[in-house]
Amino acid sequence: MGNLNNLMFFGEGVSVAGCLILHMLGQRHRFRLFDFCAHVCSVAETSGSAPTDPTMQVSESVSE
């Protein structure tokens, strides 16, 4: 198998299957309720602390 990471080994199937399950079970609202990453990005964008340089990594933005 070599040095395959999960994305190379399984492809996008796991992500697509997860999205399909959320959609089929009507759990989109609950997913959006607990989507912490989207909340953090929204707060950073609203407060003006979002990085303006698109090449800046997230860890560099947090440490400032």
PDB file of N, CA and C in Angstrom:
ATOM      1  N   MET A   1       0.814  -1.189   0.000  1.00  0.00           N
ATOM      2  CA  MET A   1       0.000   0.000   0.000  1.00  0.00           C
ATOM      3  C   MET A   1       0.859   1.255   0.000  1.00  0.00           C
ATOM      4  N   GLY A   2       2.002   1.214   0.614  1.00  0.00           N
ATOM      5  CA  GLY A   2       2.865   2.382   0.593  1.00  0.00           C
ATOM      6  C   GLY A   2       2.430   3.442   1.578  1.00  0.00           C
ATOM      7  N   ASN A   3       2.630   4.660   1.207  1.00  0.00           N
ATOM      8  CA  ASN A   3       2.317   5.799   2.071  1.00  0.00           C
ATOM      9  C   ASN A   3       1.080   6.533   1.573  1.00  0.00           C
ATOM     10  N   LEU A   4      -0.045   5.862   1.555  1.00  0.00           N
ATOM     11  CA  LEU A   4      -1.291   6.495   1.122  1.00  0.00           C
ATOM     12  C   LEU A   4      -1.998   7.116   2.317  1.00  0.00           C
ATOM     13  N   ASN A   5      -2.419   8.363   2.156  1.00  0.00           N
ATOM     14  CA  ASN A   5      -3.234   8.955   3.208  1.00  0.00           C
ATOM     15  C   ASN A   5      -4.693   8.564   2.966  1.00  0.00           C
ATOM     16  N   ASN A   6      -5.574   8.938   3.870  1.00  0.00           N
ATOM     17  CA  ASN A   6      -6.978   8.537   3.769  1.00  0.00           C
ATOM     18  C   ASN A   6      -7.641   9.049   2.500  1.00  0.00           C
ATOM     19  N   LEU A   7      -7.324  10.281   2.093  1.00  0.00           N
ATOM     20  CA  LEU A   7      -7.946  10.847   0.902  1.00  0.00           C
ATOM     21  C   LEU A   7      -7.523  10.076  -0.341  1.00  0.00           C
ATOM     22  N   MET A   8      -6.249   9.744  -0.428  1.00  0.00           N
ATOM     23  CA  MET A   8      -5.779   8.999  -1.598  1.00  0.00           C
ATOM     24  C   MET A   8      -6.320   7.573  -1.598  1.00  0.00           C
ATOM     25  N   PHE A   9      -6.471   6.974  -0.422  1.00  0.00           N
ATOM     26  CA  PHE A   9      -6.921   5.589  -0.332  1.00  0.00           C
ATOM     27  C   PHE A   9      -8.418   5.455  -0.568  1.00  0.00           C
ATOM     28  N   PHE A  10      -9.216   6.305   0.079  1.00  0.00           N
ATOM     29  CA  PHE A  10     -10.670   6.201  -0.011  1.00  0.00           C
ATOM     30  C   PHE A  10     -11.285   7.170  -1.006  1.00  0.00           C
ATOM     31  N   GLY A  11     -10.576   8.225  -1.371  1.00  0.00           N
ATOM     32  CA  GLY A  11     -11.119   9.216  -2.285  1.00  0.00           C
ATOM     33  C   GLY A  11     -12.122  10.107  -1.581  1.00  0.00           C
ATOM     34  N   GLU A  12     -12.979  10.721  -2.357  1.00  0.00           N
ATOM     35  CA  GLU A  12     -13.991  11.635  -1.816  1.00  0.00           C
ATOM     36  C   GLU A  12     -15.253  10.898  -1.373  1.00  0.00           C
ATOM     37  N   GLY A  13     -15.266   9.602  -1.481  1.00  0.00           N
ATOM     38  CA  GLY A  13     -16.460   8.817  -1.178  1.00  0.00           C
ATOM     39  C   GLY A  13     -16.952   8.960   0.247  1.00  0.00           C
ATOM     40  N   VAL A  14     -16.032   9.032   1.203  1.00  0.00           N
ATOM     41  CA  VAL A  14     -16.427   9.140   2.604  1.00  0.00           C
ATOM     42  C   VAL A  14     -17.129  10.476   2.853  1.00  0.00           C
ATOM     43  N   SER A  15     -16.592  11.549   2.303  1.00  0.00           N
ATOM     44  CA  SER A  15     -17.211  12.870   2.479  1.00  0.00           C
ATOM     45  C   SER A  15     -18.572  12.934   1.808  1.00  0.00           C
ATOM     46  N   VAL A  16     -18.655  12.413   0.596  1.00  0.00           N
ATOM     47  CA  VAL A  16     -19.921  12.427  -0.135  1.00  0.00           C
ATOM     48  C   VAL A  16     -20.957  11.568   0.583  1.00  0.00           C
ATOM     49  N   ALA A  17     -20.542  10.425   1.101  1.00  0.00           N
ATOM     50  CA  ALA A  17     -21.472   9.554   1.824  1.00  0.00           C
ATOM     51  C   ALA A  17     -21.982  10.242   3.083  1.00  0.00           C
ATOM     52  N   GLY A  18     -21.093  10.948   3.795  1.00  0.00           N
ATOM     53  CA  GLY A  18     -21.520  11.675   4.992  1.00  0.00           C
ATOM     54  C   GLY A  18     -22.531  12.755   4.668  1.00  0.00           C
ATOM     55  N   CYS A  19     -22.277  13.504   3.602  1.00  0.00           N
ATOM     56  CA  CYS A  19     -23.216  14.550   3.180  1.00  0.00           C
ATOM     57  C   CYS A  19     -24.549  13.951   2.753  1.00  0.00           C
ATOM     58  N   LEU A  20     -24.498  12.830   2.059  1.00  0.00           N
ATOM     59  CA  LEU A  20     -25.723  12.163   1.617  1.00  0.00           C
ATOM     60  C   LEU A  20     -26.548  11.689   2.808  1.00  0.00           C
ATOM     61  N   ILE A  21     -25.889  11.129   3.798  1.00  0.00           N
ATOM     62  CA  ILE A  21     -26.604  10.662   4.992  1.00  0.00           C
ATOM     63  C   ILE A  21     -27.249  11.836   5.725  1.00  0.00           C
ATOM     64  N   LEU A  22     -26.504  12.940   5.875  1.00  0.00           N
ATOM     65  CA  LEU A  22     -27.076  14.124   6.528  1.00  0.00           C
ATOM     66  C   LEU A  22     -28.303  14.627   5.776  1.00  0.00           C
ATOM     67  N   HIS A  23     -28.213  14.642   4.461  1.00  0.00           N
ATOM     68  CA  HIS A  23     -29.330  15.137   3.654  1.00  0.00           C
ATOM     69  C   HIS A  23     -30.535  14.195   3.730  1.00  0.00           C
ATOM     70  N   MET A  24     -30.288  12.902   3.581  1.00  0.00           N
ATOM     71  CA  MET A  24     -31.396  11.935   3.558  1.00  0.00           C
ATOM     72  C   MET A  24     -32.118  11.850   4.902  1.00  0.00           C
ATOM     73  N   LEU A  25     -31.396  12.058   5.993  1.00  0.00           N
ATOM     74  CA  LEU A  25     -32.020  11.988   7.310  1.00  0.00           C
ATOM     75  C   LEU A  25     -32.560  13.338   7.787  1.00  0.00           C
ATOM     76  N   GLY A  26     -32.379  14.376   6.968  1.00  0.00           N
ATOM     77  CA  GLY A  26     -32.890  15.689   7.331  1.00  0.00           C
ATOM     78  C   GLY A  26     -32.148  16.317   8.506  1.00  0.00           C
ATOM     79  N   GLN A  27     -30.856  16.066   8.608  1.00  0.00           N
ATOM     80  CA  GLN A  27     -30.070  16.547   9.734  1.00  0.00           C
ATOM     81  C   GLN A  27     -29.236  17.782   9.403  1.00  0.00           C
ATOM     82  N   ARG A  28     -29.527  18.473   8.313  1.00  0.00           N
ATOM     83  CA  ARG A  28     -28.723  19.617   7.906  1.00  0.00           C
ATOM     84  C   ARG A  28     -28.740  20.722   8.961  1.00  0.00           C
ATOM     85  N   HIS A  29     -29.881  20.978   9.544  1.00  0.00           N
ATOM     86  CA  HIS A  29     -29.980  22.020  10.567  1.00  0.00           C
ATOM     87  C   HIS A  29     -29.096  21.682  11.767  1.00  0.00           C
ATOM     88  N   ARG A  30     -29.123  20.444  12.201  1.00  0.00           N
ATOM     89  CA  ARG A  30     -28.312  20.032  13.343  1.00  0.00           C
ATOM     90  C   ARG A  30     -26.826  20.118  13.017  1.00  0.00           C
ATOM     91  N   PHE A  31     -26.438  19.777  11.784  1.00  0.00           N
ATOM     92  CA  PHE A  31     -25.040  19.895  11.373  1.00  0.00           C
ATOM     93  C   PHE A  31     -24.591  21.343  11.398  1.00  0.00           C
ATOM     94  N   ARG A  32     -25.416  22.227  10.854  1.00  0.00           N
ATOM     95  CA  ARG A  32     -25.051  23.648  10.830  1.00  0.00           C
ATOM     96  C   ARG A  32     -25.010  24.231  12.236  1.00  0.00           C
ATOM     97  N   LEU A  33     -25.814  23.704  13.147  1.00  0.00           N
ATOM     98  CA  LEU A  33     -25.822  24.157  14.524  1.00  0.00           C
ATOM     99  C   LEU A  33     -24.484  23.885  15.200  1.00  0.00           C
ATOM    100  N   PHE A  34     -23.873  22.737  14.915  1.00  0.00           N
ATOM    101  CA  PHE A  34     -22.622  22.341  15.560  1.00  0.00           C
ATOM    102  C   PHE A  34     -21.410  22.482  14.645  1.00  0.00           C
ATOM    103  N   ASP A  35     -21.517  23.258  13.563  1.00  0.00           N
ATOM    104  CA  ASP A  35     -20.398  23.467  12.645  1.00  0.00           C
ATOM    105  C   ASP A  35     -19.500  24.566  13.200  1.00  0.00           C
ATOM    106  N   PHE A  36     -18.555  24.174  14.033  1.00  0.00           N
ATOM    107  CA  PHE A  36     -17.697  25.113  14.741  1.00  0.00           C
ATOM    108  C   PHE A  36     -16.787  25.882  13.791  1.00  0.00           C
ATOM    109  N   CYS A  37     -16.281  25.242  12.763  1.00  0.00           N
ATOM    110  CA  CYS A  37     -15.365  25.906  11.824  1.00  0.00           C
ATOM    111  C   CYS A  37     -16.048  27.070  11.114  1.00  0.00           C
ATOM    112  N   ALA A  38     -17.267  26.880  10.650  1.00  0.00           N
ATOM    113  CA  ALA A  38     -17.988  27.954   9.978  1.00  0.00           C
ATOM    114  C   ALA A  38     -18.263  29.104  10.944  1.00  0.00           C
ATOM    115  N   HIS A  39     -18.537  28.782  12.193  1.00  0.00           N
ATOM    116  CA  HIS A  39     -18.782  29.821  13.195  1.00  0.00           C
ATOM    117  C   HIS A  39     -17.525  30.650  13.425  1.00  0.00           C
ATOM    118  N   VAL A  40     -16.379  29.993  13.574  1.00  0.00           N
ATOM    119  CA  VAL A  40     -15.127  30.715  13.815  1.00  0.00           C
ATOM    120  C   VAL A  40     -14.787  31.601  12.624  1.00  0.00           C
ATOM    121  N   CYS A  41     -14.958  31.084  11.412  1.00  0.00           N
ATOM    122  CA  CYS A  41     -14.681  31.887  10.218  1.00  0.00           C
ATOM    123  C   CYS A  41     -15.625  33.081  10.124  1.00  0.00           C
ATOM    124  N   SER A  42     -16.878  32.885  10.457  1.00  0.00           N
ATOM    125  CA  SER A  42     -17.856  33.970  10.417  1.00  0.00           C
ATOM    126  C   SER A  42     -17.520  35.049  11.434  1.00  0.00           C
ATOM    127  N   VAL A  43     -17.141  34.662  12.642  1.00  0.00           N
ATOM    128  CA  VAL A  43     -16.779  35.631  13.675  1.00  0.00           C
ATOM    129  C   VAL A  43     -15.532  36.395  13.264  1.00  0.00           C
ATOM    130  N   ALA A  44     -14.539  35.702  12.722  1.00  0.00           N
ATOM    131  CA  ALA A  44     -13.308  36.366  12.299  1.00  0.00           C
ATOM    132  C   ALA A  44     -13.584  37.355  11.172  1.00  0.00           C
ATOM    133  N   GLU A  45     -14.457  36.980  10.254  1.00  0.00           N
ATOM    134  CA  GLU A  45     -14.793  37.861   9.137  1.00  0.00           C
ATOM    135  C   GLU A  45     -15.559  39.087   9.620  1.00  0.00           C
ATOM    136  N   THR A  46     -16.485  38.889  10.540  1.00  0.00           N
ATOM    137  CA  THR A  46     -17.300  39.981  11.057  1.00  0.00           C
ATOM    138  C   THR A  46     -16.483  40.943  11.910  1.00  0.00           C
ATOM    139  N   SER A  47     -15.568  40.408  12.701  1.00  0.00           N
ATOM    140  CA  SER A  47     -14.787  41.262  13.597  1.00  0.00           C
ATOM    141  C   SER A  47     -13.634  41.963  12.890  1.00  0.00           C
ATOM    142  N   GLY A  48     -13.386  41.588  11.653  1.00  0.00           N
ATOM    143  CA  GLY A  48     -12.323  42.230  10.904  1.00  0.00           C
ATOM    144  C   GLY A  48     -10.955  41.652  11.164  1.00  0.00           C
ATOM    145  N   SER A  49     -10.877  40.543  11.875  1.00  0.00           N
ATOM    146  CA  SER A  49      -9.579  39.951  12.166  1.00  0.00           C
ATOM    147  C   SER A  49      -9.204  38.864  11.165  1.00  0.00           C
ATOM    148  N   ALA A  50     -10.000  38.700  10.125  1.00  0.00           N
ATOM    149  CA  ALA A  50      -9.682  37.705   9.101  1.00  0.00           C
ATOM    150  C   ALA A  50      -8.459  38.163   8.328  1.00  0.00           C
ATOM    151  N   PRO A  51      -7.574  37.241   7.974  1.00  0.00           N
ATOM    152  CA  PRO A  51      -6.375  37.635   7.230  1.00  0.00           C
ATOM    153  C   PRO A  51      -6.734  38.157   5.846  1.00  0.00           C
ATOM    154  N   THR A  52      -6.058  39.213   5.430  1.00  0.00           N
ATOM    155  CA  THR A  52      -6.313  39.781   4.112  1.00  0.00           C
ATOM    156  C   THR A  52      -5.434  39.140   3.060  1.00  0.00           C
ATOM    157  N   ASP A  53      -4.366  38.473   3.480  1.00  0.00           N
ATOM    158  CA  ASP A  53      -3.457  37.814   2.557  1.00  0.00           C
ATOM    159  C   ASP A  53      -3.958  36.391   2.323  1.00  0.00           C
ATOM    160  N   PRO A  54      -4.391  36.036   1.105  1.00  0.00           N
ATOM    161  CA  PRO A  54      -4.944  34.695   0.870  1.00  0.00           C
ATOM    162  C   PRO A  54      -3.905  33.586   1.002  1.00  0.00           C
ATOM    163  N   THR A  55      -2.621  33.920   0.965  1.00  0.00           N
ATOM    164  CA  THR A  55      -1.602  32.880   1.111  1.00  0.00           C
ATOM    165  C   THR A  55      -1.245  32.618   2.564  1.00  0.00           C
ATOM    166  N   MET A  56      -1.796  33.413   3.495  1.00  0.00           N
ATOM    167  CA  MET A  56      -1.495  33.237   4.913  1.00  0.00           C
ATOM    168  C   MET A  56      -2.176  31.978   5.428  1.00  0.00           C
ATOM    169  N   GLN A  57      -1.461  31.192   6.189  1.00  0.00           N
ATOM    170  CA  GLN A  57      -2.008  29.986   6.789  1.00  0.00           C
ATOM    171  C   GLN A  57      -2.833  30.343   8.022  1.00  0.00           C
ATOM    172  N   VAL A  58      -3.744  29.467   8.394  1.00  0.00           N
ATOM    173  CA  VAL A  58      -4.620  29.714   9.541  1.00  0.00           C
ATOM    174  C   VAL A  58      -3.802  29.837  10.819  1.00  0.00           C
ATOM    175  N   SER A  59      -2.788  29.019  10.999  1.00  0.00           N
ATOM    176  CA  SER A  59      -1.983  29.064  12.216  1.00  0.00           C
ATOM    177  C   SER A  59      -1.261  30.404  12.343  1.00  0.00           C
ATOM    178  N   GLU A  60      -0.861  31.011  11.229  1.00  0.00           N
ATOM    179  CA  GLU A  60      -0.212  32.314  11.267  1.00  0.00           C
ATOM    180  C   GLU A  60      -1.211  33.384  11.682  1.00  0.00           C
ATOM    181  N   SER A  61      -2.454  33.247  11.239  1.00  0.00           N
ATOM    182  CA  SER A  61      -3.496  34.227  11.571  1.00  0.00           C
ATOM    183  C   SER A  61      -3.859  34.153  13.044  1.00  0.00           C
ATOM    184  N   VAL A  62      -3.914  32.961  13.604  1.00  0.00           N
ATOM    185  CA  VAL A  62      -4.311  32.773  14.993  1.00  0.00           C
ATOM    186  C   VAL A  62      -3.246  33.304  15.934  1.00  0.00           C
ATOM    187  N   SER A  63      -1.965  33.156  15.571  1.00  0.00           N
ATOM    188  CA  SER A  63      -0.896  33.546  16.470  1.00  0.00           C
ATOM    189  C   SER A  63      -0.688  35.050  16.517  1.00  0.00           C
ATOM    190  N   GLU A  64      -1.299  35.804  15.614  1.00  0.00           N
ATOM    191  CA  GLU A  64      -1.111  37.259  15.619  1.00  0.00           C
ATOM    192  C   GLU A  64      -1.896  37.935  16.702  1.00  0.00           C
TER     193      GLU A  64
END
